[in-house]
N, C-alpha and C. Protein backbone atom coordinates (compact mmCIF):
# COMPACT_ATOMS: atom_id res chain seq x y z
N MET A 1 6.62 30.52 -0.61
CA MET A 1 7.94 30.07 -0.88
C MET A 1 8.18 28.78 -0.08
N THR A 2 8.79 27.83 -0.75
CA THR A 2 9.02 26.51 -0.14
C THR A 2 10.37 26.55 0.63
N SER A 3 10.32 26.05 1.85
CA SER A 3 11.52 26.10 2.69
C SER A 3 12.40 24.87 2.35
N PRO A 4 13.69 24.90 2.67
CA PRO A 4 14.55 23.77 2.41
C PRO A 4 14.01 22.52 3.15
N SER A 5 13.48 22.70 4.35
CA SER A 5 13.00 21.55 5.10
C SER A 5 11.83 20.90 4.38
N ASP A 6 10.96 21.67 3.76
CA ASP A 6 9.85 21.14 3.00
C ASP A 6 10.32 20.34 1.85
N VAL A 7 11.32 20.84 1.10
CA VAL A 7 11.82 20.16 -0.03
C VAL A 7 12.49 18.85 0.39
N LEU A 8 13.29 18.92 1.47
CA LEU A 8 13.93 17.68 1.93
C LEU A 8 12.90 16.64 2.41
N ALA A 9 11.89 17.12 3.10
CA ALA A 9 10.85 16.22 3.58
C ALA A 9 10.12 15.55 2.41
N SER A 10 9.88 16.31 1.35
CA SER A 10 9.23 15.83 0.15
C SER A 10 10.10 14.80 -0.54
N LEU A 11 11.37 15.05 -0.61
CA LEU A 11 12.27 14.08 -1.23
C LEU A 11 12.40 12.81 -0.43
N ALA A 12 12.43 13.00 0.86
CA ALA A 12 12.52 11.82 1.75
C ALA A 12 11.31 10.91 1.74
N SER A 13 10.13 11.56 1.51
CA SER A 13 8.92 10.81 1.52
C SER A 13 8.66 10.10 0.16
N SER A 14 9.43 10.42 -0.86
CA SER A 14 9.22 9.82 -2.16
C SER A 14 10.16 8.69 -2.37
N GLN A 15 10.10 7.67 -1.48
CA GLN A 15 10.94 6.51 -1.55
C GLN A 15 10.39 5.53 -2.65
N SER A 16 11.18 4.59 -3.00
CA SER A 16 10.69 3.57 -3.95
C SER A 16 9.65 2.72 -3.31
N SER A 17 8.77 2.09 -4.07
CA SER A 17 7.72 1.34 -3.52
C SER A 17 8.22 0.06 -2.86
N SER A 18 9.43 -0.38 -3.06
CA SER A 18 9.92 -1.57 -2.42
C SER A 18 10.33 -1.28 -0.93
N GLU A 19 10.43 -0.05 -0.57
CA GLU A 19 10.76 0.29 0.78
C GLU A 19 9.54 0.59 1.63
N THR A 20 9.67 0.36 2.90
CA THR A 20 8.56 0.65 3.83
C THR A 20 8.34 2.16 3.85
N GLN A 21 7.08 2.57 3.80
CA GLN A 21 6.73 4.01 3.87
C GLN A 21 6.61 4.36 5.32
N TRP A 22 7.45 5.27 5.80
CA TRP A 22 7.41 5.77 7.19
C TRP A 22 6.82 7.18 7.16
N PRO A 23 6.18 7.57 8.27
CA PRO A 23 5.68 8.92 8.37
C PRO A 23 6.76 9.94 8.22
N ALA A 24 6.42 11.10 7.68
CA ALA A 24 7.40 12.17 7.46
C ALA A 24 8.08 12.57 8.76
N ALA A 25 7.42 12.49 9.86
CA ALA A 25 7.97 12.93 11.17
C ALA A 25 9.16 12.03 11.59
N THR A 26 9.31 10.82 10.93
CA THR A 26 10.43 9.98 11.28
C THR A 26 11.62 10.16 10.36
N GLU A 27 11.50 10.94 9.28
CA GLU A 27 12.55 11.09 8.30
C GLU A 27 13.69 11.93 8.86
N ILE A 28 14.94 11.59 8.45
CA ILE A 28 16.14 12.37 8.83
C ILE A 28 16.27 13.45 7.77
N LEU A 29 16.34 14.66 8.22
CA LEU A 29 16.53 15.80 7.30
C LEU A 29 18.02 16.26 7.39
N TYR A 30 18.60 16.51 6.21
CA TYR A 30 20.01 16.89 6.12
C TYR A 30 20.14 18.37 5.78
N SER A 31 21.27 18.93 6.04
CA SER A 31 21.63 20.27 5.73
C SER A 31 21.63 20.37 4.19
N LEU A 32 21.13 21.46 3.69
CA LEU A 32 21.04 21.63 2.27
C LEU A 32 22.42 21.56 1.60
N GLY A 33 22.58 20.70 0.64
CA GLY A 33 23.86 20.52 -0.05
C GLY A 33 24.92 19.85 0.76
N SER A 34 24.52 19.11 1.78
CA SER A 34 25.46 18.47 2.67
C SER A 34 24.95 17.11 3.11
N SER A 35 25.88 16.30 3.64
CA SER A 35 25.40 15.01 4.24
C SER A 35 25.35 15.08 5.75
N LYS A 36 25.50 16.30 6.28
CA LYS A 36 25.43 16.52 7.73
C LYS A 36 24.00 16.51 8.23
N VAL A 37 23.83 15.88 9.36
CA VAL A 37 22.56 15.86 10.01
C VAL A 37 22.60 16.77 11.26
N LYS A 38 21.64 17.65 11.35
CA LYS A 38 21.59 18.48 12.57
C LYS A 38 20.29 18.20 13.32
N VAL A 39 20.43 18.17 14.62
CA VAL A 39 19.23 17.89 15.46
C VAL A 39 18.17 18.96 15.23
N THR A 40 18.54 20.17 15.07
CA THR A 40 17.58 21.26 14.90
C THR A 40 16.77 21.19 13.66
N PHE A 41 17.17 20.44 12.63
CA PHE A 41 16.46 20.33 11.38
C PHE A 41 15.38 19.29 11.45
N GLN A 42 15.38 18.45 12.47
CA GLN A 42 14.43 17.32 12.52
C GLN A 42 13.07 17.70 13.00
N SER A 43 12.11 16.86 12.78
CA SER A 43 10.74 17.13 13.21
C SER A 43 10.75 17.27 14.75
N PRO A 44 9.81 17.99 15.32
CA PRO A 44 9.83 18.30 16.74
C PRO A 44 9.96 16.99 17.62
N LEU A 45 9.18 15.97 17.27
CA LEU A 45 9.22 14.76 18.06
C LEU A 45 10.55 14.02 17.94
N LEU A 46 11.07 13.88 16.74
CA LEU A 46 12.37 13.26 16.52
C LEU A 46 13.47 14.04 17.25
N ARG A 47 13.36 15.34 17.11
CA ARG A 47 14.32 16.23 17.80
C ARG A 47 14.31 16.00 19.30
N GLU A 48 13.13 15.86 19.85
CA GLU A 48 13.01 15.66 21.34
C GLU A 48 13.60 14.28 21.71
N VAL A 49 13.33 13.26 20.89
CA VAL A 49 13.87 11.92 21.13
C VAL A 49 15.43 11.98 21.06
N LEU A 50 15.95 12.67 20.06
CA LEU A 50 17.41 12.81 19.96
C LEU A 50 18.00 13.55 21.08
N GLN A 51 17.43 14.68 21.48
CA GLN A 51 17.96 15.50 22.60
C GLN A 51 17.93 14.72 23.88
N ASP A 52 16.83 14.04 24.15
CA ASP A 52 16.74 13.22 25.40
C ASP A 52 17.69 12.05 25.30
N GLY A 53 17.87 11.49 24.08
CA GLY A 53 18.84 10.36 23.94
C GLY A 53 20.27 10.83 24.25
N ILE A 54 20.61 12.03 23.80
CA ILE A 54 21.89 12.58 24.12
C ILE A 54 22.11 12.78 25.64
N GLU A 55 21.01 13.32 26.28
CA GLU A 55 21.09 13.47 27.70
C GLU A 55 21.23 12.13 28.45
N ASN A 56 20.50 11.09 27.97
CA ASN A 56 20.66 9.76 28.54
C ASN A 56 22.06 9.22 28.38
N MET A 57 22.58 9.47 27.22
CA MET A 57 23.99 9.06 26.87
C MET A 57 24.95 9.68 27.83
N GLN A 58 24.82 10.98 28.07
CA GLN A 58 25.66 11.66 29.05
C GLN A 58 25.56 11.04 30.42
N GLY A 59 24.32 10.71 30.79
CA GLY A 59 24.14 10.06 32.12
C GLY A 59 24.80 8.69 32.18
N CYS A 60 24.74 7.92 31.10
CA CYS A 60 25.42 6.65 31.07
C CYS A 60 26.92 6.83 31.23
N LEU A 61 27.46 7.82 30.58
CA LEU A 61 28.87 8.07 30.69
C LEU A 61 29.28 8.50 32.14
N VAL A 62 28.52 9.39 32.68
CA VAL A 62 28.85 9.86 34.02
C VAL A 62 28.77 8.74 35.13
N PHE A 63 27.68 7.94 35.02
CA PHE A 63 27.38 6.99 36.09
C PHE A 63 27.89 5.58 35.84
N ASN A 64 28.15 5.25 34.58
CA ASN A 64 28.55 3.84 34.26
C ASN A 64 29.96 3.70 33.81
N ASN A 65 30.47 4.61 33.00
CA ASN A 65 31.80 4.44 32.43
C ASN A 65 32.27 5.78 31.87
N THR A 66 33.04 6.48 32.61
CA THR A 66 33.45 7.83 32.17
C THR A 66 34.35 7.86 31.00
N PHE A 67 35.19 6.79 30.82
CA PHE A 67 36.14 6.73 29.68
C PHE A 67 35.95 5.44 28.95
N PRO A 68 34.80 5.32 28.26
CA PRO A 68 34.55 4.04 27.53
C PRO A 68 35.33 3.94 26.22
N ASP A 69 35.51 2.71 25.74
CA ASP A 69 36.05 2.58 24.38
C ASP A 69 34.88 2.79 23.40
N VAL A 70 35.22 2.80 22.12
CA VAL A 70 34.22 3.15 21.09
C VAL A 70 33.08 2.18 21.11
N SER A 71 33.31 0.91 21.22
CA SER A 71 32.25 -0.07 21.22
C SER A 71 31.23 0.16 22.35
N VAL A 72 31.71 0.58 23.48
CA VAL A 72 30.86 0.85 24.62
C VAL A 72 30.05 2.10 24.36
N VAL A 73 30.69 3.12 23.73
CA VAL A 73 29.96 4.38 23.39
C VAL A 73 28.79 4.03 22.46
N ILE A 74 29.00 3.18 21.48
CA ILE A 74 27.95 2.79 20.55
C ILE A 74 26.86 2.04 21.27
N THR A 75 27.22 1.14 22.17
CA THR A 75 26.23 0.39 22.99
C THR A 75 25.39 1.37 23.81
N PHE A 76 26.08 2.31 24.51
CA PHE A 76 25.36 3.29 25.32
C PHE A 76 24.39 4.14 24.44
N ALA A 77 24.89 4.60 23.27
CA ALA A 77 24.11 5.45 22.42
C ALA A 77 22.82 4.65 21.88
N SER A 78 23.05 3.42 21.51
CA SER A 78 21.92 2.58 21.02
C SER A 78 20.88 2.41 22.13
N ALA A 79 21.30 2.04 23.31
CA ALA A 79 20.39 1.83 24.46
C ALA A 79 19.71 3.12 24.86
N SER A 80 20.46 4.23 24.79
CA SER A 80 19.86 5.53 25.16
C SER A 80 18.76 5.94 24.19
N LEU A 81 18.99 5.78 22.88
CA LEU A 81 17.96 6.17 21.90
C LEU A 81 16.77 5.26 22.00
N MET A 82 17.00 3.96 22.11
CA MET A 82 15.89 2.97 22.18
C MET A 82 14.99 3.27 23.43
N THR A 83 15.71 3.48 24.56
CA THR A 83 14.95 3.77 25.82
C THR A 83 14.19 5.08 25.69
N THR A 84 14.77 6.07 25.10
CA THR A 84 14.12 7.35 24.98
C THR A 84 12.89 7.27 24.12
N ALA A 85 13.04 6.53 23.02
CA ALA A 85 11.84 6.36 22.09
C ALA A 85 10.69 5.64 22.87
N GLU A 86 11.08 4.61 23.63
CA GLU A 86 10.08 3.89 24.41
C GLU A 86 9.44 4.84 25.46
N ASP A 87 10.24 5.67 26.11
CA ASP A 87 9.69 6.59 27.08
C ASP A 87 8.74 7.65 26.48
N HIS A 88 8.90 7.94 25.18
CA HIS A 88 8.06 8.96 24.52
C HIS A 88 6.80 8.36 23.82
N GLU A 89 6.60 7.05 24.06
CA GLU A 89 5.39 6.48 23.49
C GLU A 89 4.18 6.93 24.29
N PRO A 90 3.00 7.06 23.71
CA PRO A 90 2.65 6.56 22.40
C PRO A 90 2.95 7.54 21.27
N GLU A 91 3.36 8.76 21.57
CA GLU A 91 3.65 9.77 20.51
C GLU A 91 4.78 9.26 19.59
N ALA A 92 5.77 8.61 20.12
CA ALA A 92 6.96 8.18 19.35
C ALA A 92 6.86 6.77 18.88
N THR A 93 5.71 6.17 18.85
CA THR A 93 5.58 4.76 18.48
C THR A 93 6.18 4.48 17.13
N MET A 94 5.93 5.29 16.17
CA MET A 94 6.51 5.07 14.79
C MET A 94 8.01 5.25 14.77
N ILE A 95 8.55 6.17 15.55
CA ILE A 95 9.99 6.33 15.64
C ILE A 95 10.60 5.10 16.27
N HIS A 96 10.00 4.66 17.36
CA HIS A 96 10.49 3.48 18.03
C HIS A 96 10.43 2.20 17.15
N GLN A 97 9.34 2.07 16.41
CA GLN A 97 9.20 0.97 15.47
C GLN A 97 10.22 1.06 14.34
N ARG A 98 10.47 2.26 13.83
CA ARG A 98 11.50 2.40 12.81
C ARG A 98 12.89 2.10 13.36
N PHE A 99 13.18 2.47 14.57
CA PHE A 99 14.44 2.12 15.22
C PHE A 99 14.63 0.57 15.17
N ARG A 100 13.56 -0.12 15.47
CA ARG A 100 13.64 -1.61 15.60
C ARG A 100 13.72 -2.26 14.17
N GLU A 101 13.09 -1.69 13.13
CA GLU A 101 12.97 -2.28 11.85
C GLU A 101 13.96 -1.79 10.79
N ASP A 102 14.47 -0.61 10.97
CA ASP A 102 15.31 0.02 9.93
C ASP A 102 16.70 0.28 10.49
N ALA A 103 17.57 -0.73 10.36
CA ALA A 103 18.92 -0.73 10.97
C ALA A 103 19.79 0.48 10.42
N LYS A 104 19.63 0.76 9.15
CA LYS A 104 20.40 1.88 8.54
C LYS A 104 19.98 3.22 9.16
N TYR A 105 18.71 3.42 9.30
CA TYR A 105 18.21 4.60 9.91
C TYR A 105 18.62 4.74 11.35
N PHE A 106 18.51 3.66 12.11
CA PHE A 106 18.90 3.65 13.51
C PHE A 106 20.39 3.90 13.65
N GLY A 107 21.17 3.29 12.75
CA GLY A 107 22.64 3.47 12.76
C GLY A 107 23.05 4.93 12.54
N LYS A 108 22.36 5.64 11.67
CA LYS A 108 22.65 7.05 11.39
C LYS A 108 22.40 7.91 12.69
N LEU A 109 21.30 7.63 13.33
CA LEU A 109 20.98 8.38 14.52
C LEU A 109 21.87 8.00 15.72
N VAL A 110 22.25 6.73 15.85
CA VAL A 110 23.20 6.35 16.89
C VAL A 110 24.51 7.03 16.64
N THR A 111 24.96 7.10 15.40
CA THR A 111 26.23 7.79 15.08
C THR A 111 26.09 9.25 15.49
N MET A 112 24.97 9.84 15.22
CA MET A 112 24.78 11.23 15.54
C MET A 112 24.86 11.49 17.07
N VAL A 113 24.30 10.57 17.85
CA VAL A 113 24.29 10.72 19.28
C VAL A 113 25.69 10.49 19.83
N CYS A 114 26.44 9.54 19.31
CA CYS A 114 27.73 9.19 19.92
C CYS A 114 28.94 9.93 19.30
N THR A 115 28.72 10.64 18.20
CA THR A 115 29.88 11.34 17.55
C THR A 115 30.48 12.37 18.51
N PRO A 116 29.72 13.27 19.14
CA PRO A 116 30.34 14.25 20.01
C PRO A 116 31.13 13.57 21.15
N MET A 117 30.62 12.41 21.63
CA MET A 117 31.30 11.72 22.73
C MET A 117 32.55 11.10 22.23
N SER A 118 32.58 10.51 21.04
CA SER A 118 33.77 9.83 20.54
C SER A 118 34.86 10.84 20.25
N GLU A 119 34.54 12.07 19.96
CA GLU A 119 35.52 13.10 19.70
C GLU A 119 36.30 13.43 20.98
N LEU A 120 35.73 13.13 22.13
CA LEU A 120 36.36 13.38 23.40
C LEU A 120 37.28 12.27 23.88
N LEU A 121 37.17 11.11 23.18
CA LEU A 121 38.01 9.99 23.58
C LEU A 121 39.42 10.14 23.10
N PRO A 122 40.37 9.64 23.91
CA PRO A 122 41.76 9.67 23.42
C PRO A 122 41.99 8.76 22.24
N GLU A 123 42.89 9.09 21.37
CA GLU A 123 43.18 8.21 20.20
C GLU A 123 44.13 7.16 20.54
């Protein structure tokens, strides 16, 4: 029996030939029938990068700016993810490269990392 993760990975890997082909371990997997991204659905290495990026983000908030505005949250999240990918090299080399070359991909993951933090900010 094929799992939902296998189906999603297969769909993600069948991009058009005009797009760069990235390893399946770098693909973002979504909840079945949803546009929601969950950390637990991702490949083990991407999941580790995301989890460590979230921890780095929390550290930035605690030590640099406890009550940042949204633009600072995005800056912290971007720096946290990029640093975490660098720290996990050579295993995460393709993830780090995709962060640098695929802005849409990186933006989705930055949003994922900073969304819980932005929900805590006053309106």
